[in-house]
Amino acid sequence: MAGERLPLSDEQERRLDRLIAEYLAGVQQQGSVDREQLFQQHPDLADALREFFADEEHFHRWTEPLREA
């Protein structure tokens, strides 16, 4: 089906988890992280990273009213 990515290997899942943790720490410390650089450095995980970032943005949009309250 269109839009579905291939399953990741166990090693790729571990790398993805590590990259997401590093990304979140970097955002907390620096305020932002260059996502395009992550895609270029990890092309085999780029689709999974894009999926994570889309989910993260969706989550932030939905929770914004709670943060403003």
C-alpha atoms as a PDB file:
ATOM      1  CA  MET A   1       0.000   0.000   0.000  1.00  0.00           C
ATOM      2  CA  ALA A   2       1.073   3.556  -0.642  1.00  0.00           C
ATOM      3  CA  GLY A   3       2.473   5.417   2.354  1.00  0.00           C
ATOM      4  CA  GLU A   4       3.439   2.299   4.278  1.00  0.00           C
ATOM      5  CA  ARG A   5       7.079   1.749   5.034  1.00  0.00           C
ATOM      6  CA  LEU A   6       8.832  -1.565   5.228  1.00  0.00           C
ATOM      7  CA  PRO A   7       9.288  -3.019   8.717  1.00  0.00           C
ATOM      8  CA  LEU A   8      12.547  -2.133  10.403  1.00  0.00           C
ATOM      9  CA  SER A   9      15.038  -4.700  11.569  1.00  0.00           C
ATOM     10  CA  ASP A  10      15.750  -4.979  15.291  1.00  0.00           C
ATOM     11  CA  GLU A  11      18.997  -3.077  14.754  1.00  0.00           C
ATOM     12  CA  GLN A  12      17.208  -0.307  12.865  1.00  0.00           C
ATOM     13  CA  GLU A  13      14.593  -0.078  15.635  1.00  0.00           C
ATOM     14  CA  ARG A  14      17.362   0.330  18.222  1.00  0.00           C
ATOM     15  CA  ARG A  15      19.060   3.004  16.116  1.00  0.00           C
ATOM     16  CA  LEU A  16      15.747   4.785  15.574  1.00  0.00           C
ATOM     17  CA  ASP A  17      15.030   4.771  19.322  1.00  0.00           C
ATOM     18  CA  ARG A  18      18.511   6.164  20.006  1.00  0.00           C
ATOM     19  CA  LEU A  19      18.159   8.861  17.328  1.00  0.00           C
ATOM     20  CA  ILE A  20      14.770   9.955  18.639  1.00  0.00           C
ATOM     21  CA  ALA A  21      16.136  10.147  22.187  1.00  0.00           C
ATOM     22  CA  GLU A  22      19.102  12.196  20.962  1.00  0.00           C
ATOM     23  CA  TYR A  23      16.779  14.412  18.907  1.00  0.00           C
ATOM     24  CA  LEU A  24      14.505  15.093  21.896  1.00  0.00           C
ATOM     25  CA  ALA A  25      17.500  15.844  24.133  1.00  0.00           C
ATOM     26  CA  GLY A  26      18.902  18.183  21.478  1.00  0.00           C
ATOM     27  CA  VAL A  27      15.599  20.033  21.166  1.00  0.00           C
ATOM     28  CA  GLN A  28      15.417  20.397  24.938  1.00  0.00           C
ATOM     29  CA  GLN A  29      19.000  21.699  25.154  1.00  0.00           C
ATOM     30  CA  GLN A  30      19.264  23.728  21.929  1.00  0.00           C
ATOM     31  CA  GLY A  31      15.666  24.499  21.023  1.00  0.00           C
ATOM     32  CA  SER A  32      15.907  22.824  17.616  1.00  0.00           C
ATOM     33  CA  VAL A  33      17.714  20.130  15.658  1.00  0.00           C
ATOM     34  CA  ASP A  34      18.331  19.982  11.905  1.00  0.00           C
ATOM     35  CA  ARG A  35      15.943  17.266  10.772  1.00  0.00           C
ATOM     36  CA  GLU A  36      17.238  17.302   7.197  1.00  0.00           C
ATOM     37  CA  GLN A  37      20.693  16.492   8.500  1.00  0.00           C
ATOM     38  CA  LEU A  38      19.258  13.475  10.336  1.00  0.00           C
ATOM     39  CA  PHE A  39      17.574  12.289   7.116  1.00  0.00           C
ATOM     40  CA  GLN A  40      20.837  12.646   5.197  1.00  0.00           C
ATOM     41  CA  GLN A  41      22.923  10.930   7.863  1.00  0.00           C
ATOM     42  CA  HIS A  42      20.456   8.049   8.258  1.00  0.00           C
ATOM     43  CA  PRO A  43      18.761   7.488   4.886  1.00  0.00           C
ATOM     44  CA  ASP A  44      17.586   3.996   5.849  1.00  0.00           C
ATOM     45  CA  LEU A  45      15.653   5.528   8.763  1.00  0.00           C
ATOM     46  CA  ALA A  46      14.470   8.697   7.013  1.00  0.00           C
ATOM     47  CA  ASP A  47      10.908   7.458   6.432  1.00  0.00           C
ATOM     48  CA  ALA A  48      10.559   6.316  10.035  1.00  0.00           C
ATOM     49  CA  LEU A  49      11.977   9.625  11.276  1.00  0.00           C
ATOM     50  CA  ARG A  50       9.551  11.561   9.065  1.00  0.00           C
ATOM     51  CA  GLU A  51       6.708   9.502  10.494  1.00  0.00           C
ATOM     52  CA  PHE A  52       7.854  10.276  14.037  1.00  0.00           C
ATOM     53  CA  PHE A  53       8.137  14.008  13.293  1.00  0.00           C
ATOM     54  CA  ALA A  54       4.661  14.073  11.728  1.00  0.00           C
ATOM     55  CA  ASP A  55       3.235  12.336  14.806  1.00  0.00           C
ATOM     56  CA  GLU A  56       5.112  14.729  17.090  1.00  0.00           C
ATOM     57  CA  GLU A  57       3.746  17.776  15.265  1.00  0.00           C
ATOM     58  CA  HIS A  58       0.229  16.345  15.370  1.00  0.00           C
ATOM     59  CA  PHE A  59       0.577  15.734  19.117  1.00  0.00           C
ATOM     60  CA  HIS A  60       1.799  19.305  19.730  1.00  0.00           C
ATOM     61  CA  ARG A  61      -1.111  20.779  17.763  1.00  0.00           C
ATOM     62  CA  TRP A  62      -3.636  18.772  19.774  1.00  0.00           C
ATOM     63  CA  THR A  63      -2.078  19.567  23.148  1.00  0.00           C
ATOM     64  CA  GLU A  64      -1.404  23.264  22.538  1.00  0.00           C
ATOM     65  CA  PRO A  65      -4.671  24.385  24.213  1.00  0.00           C
ATOM     66  CA  LEU A  66      -3.664  22.452  27.333  1.00  0.00           C
ATOM     67  CA  ARG A  67      -0.300  24.208  27.489  1.00  0.00           C
ATOM     68  CA  GLU A  68      -1.998  27.606  27.165  1.00  0.00           C
ATOM     69  CA  ALA A  69      -4.458  26.927  29.993  1.00  0.00           C
END
